Protein backbone atom coordinates (compact mmCIF):
# COMPACT_ATOMS: atom_id res chain seq x y z
CA MET A 1 39.81 -34.68 4.23
CA LEU A 2 39.19 -31.08 3.23
CA ASP A 3 39.96 -29.89 -0.26
CA ARG A 4 41.04 -26.30 0.14
CA VAL A 5 43.80 -24.01 -0.96
CA VAL A 6 45.71 -22.48 1.90
CA SER A 7 48.49 -19.98 1.52
CA ARG A 8 50.82 -18.97 4.28
CA ALA A 9 51.15 -15.31 5.07
CA PRO A 10 54.73 -14.05 5.06
CA SER A 11 56.19 -14.04 8.52
CA PRO A 12 59.08 -12.17 10.07
CA SER A 13 62.33 -14.10 10.18
CA THR A 14 62.25 -14.06 14.00
CA SER A 15 59.09 -16.15 14.28
CA SER A 16 59.03 -19.92 14.28
CA PRO A 17 57.17 -21.97 11.63
CA ASP A 18 54.50 -22.75 14.25
CA ASP A 19 53.69 -19.04 14.57
CA GLU A 20 52.84 -18.64 10.89
CA GLU A 21 49.27 -17.70 10.13
CA TYR A 22 47.14 -19.12 7.37
CA SER A 23 45.20 -16.85 5.06
CA PHE A 24 42.04 -18.09 3.39
CA SER A 25 39.97 -16.63 0.62
CA PRO A 26 36.49 -15.77 1.92
CA PHE A 27 34.98 -18.79 0.14
CA SER A 28 37.53 -21.30 1.38
CA LYS A 29 37.37 -19.90 4.92
CA ARG A 30 33.60 -20.33 4.84
CA GLU A 31 33.94 -23.91 3.58
CA TYR A 32 36.60 -24.64 6.20
CA LEU A 33 34.41 -23.30 9.00
CA LEU A 34 31.37 -25.23 7.73
CA ALA A 35 33.44 -28.42 7.67
CA GLN A 36 34.58 -27.76 11.25
CA MET A 37 30.96 -27.27 12.31
CA ARG A 38 29.89 -30.50 10.59
CA GLN A 39 32.72 -32.37 12.30
CA LYS A 40 31.70 -31.00 15.71
CA ASP A 41 28.03 -31.85 15.04
CA GLU A 42 29.03 -35.44 14.26
CA LEU A 43 31.06 -35.62 17.47
CA ILE A 44 28.15 -34.26 19.52
CA ASP A 45 25.74 -36.74 17.91
CA SER A 46 28.12 -39.59 18.67
CA LEU A 47 28.46 -38.54 22.31
CA LEU A 48 24.69 -38.18 22.68
CA LYS A 49 24.18 -41.70 21.31
CA GLN A 50 26.70 -43.03 23.83
CA VAL A 51 24.94 -41.26 26.70
CA ARG A 52 21.54 -42.54 25.56
CA LEU A 53 22.87 -46.08 25.24
CA SER A 54 24.44 -45.92 28.70
CA TYR A 55 21.23 -44.54 30.19
CA THR A 56 19.16 -47.22 28.47
CA LEU A 57 21.45 -49.98 29.71
CA LEU A 58 21.42 -48.64 33.26
CA THR A 59 17.66 -48.24 33.41
CA ASN A 60 17.08 -51.75 32.00
CA ILE A 61 19.43 -53.39 34.51
CA GLY A 62 17.61 -52.04 37.55
CA PRO A 63 19.12 -51.15 40.93
CA LEU A 64 22.49 -52.63 41.80
CA ARG A 65 22.60 -54.85 44.88
């Protein structure tokens, strides 16, 4: 999905592979963060559409008996 170069920072031998940190160049970190923001914006838009659709359906049905 994202084209970026990520290099792992050296870690002490006592840490697990899950504890390793990623180091980004300033440009790739910026691009990574922008991609994360775009992804979250798309998720928020999708959720808002679902809420609007649900509200529209509920208001068009009328009161439940």
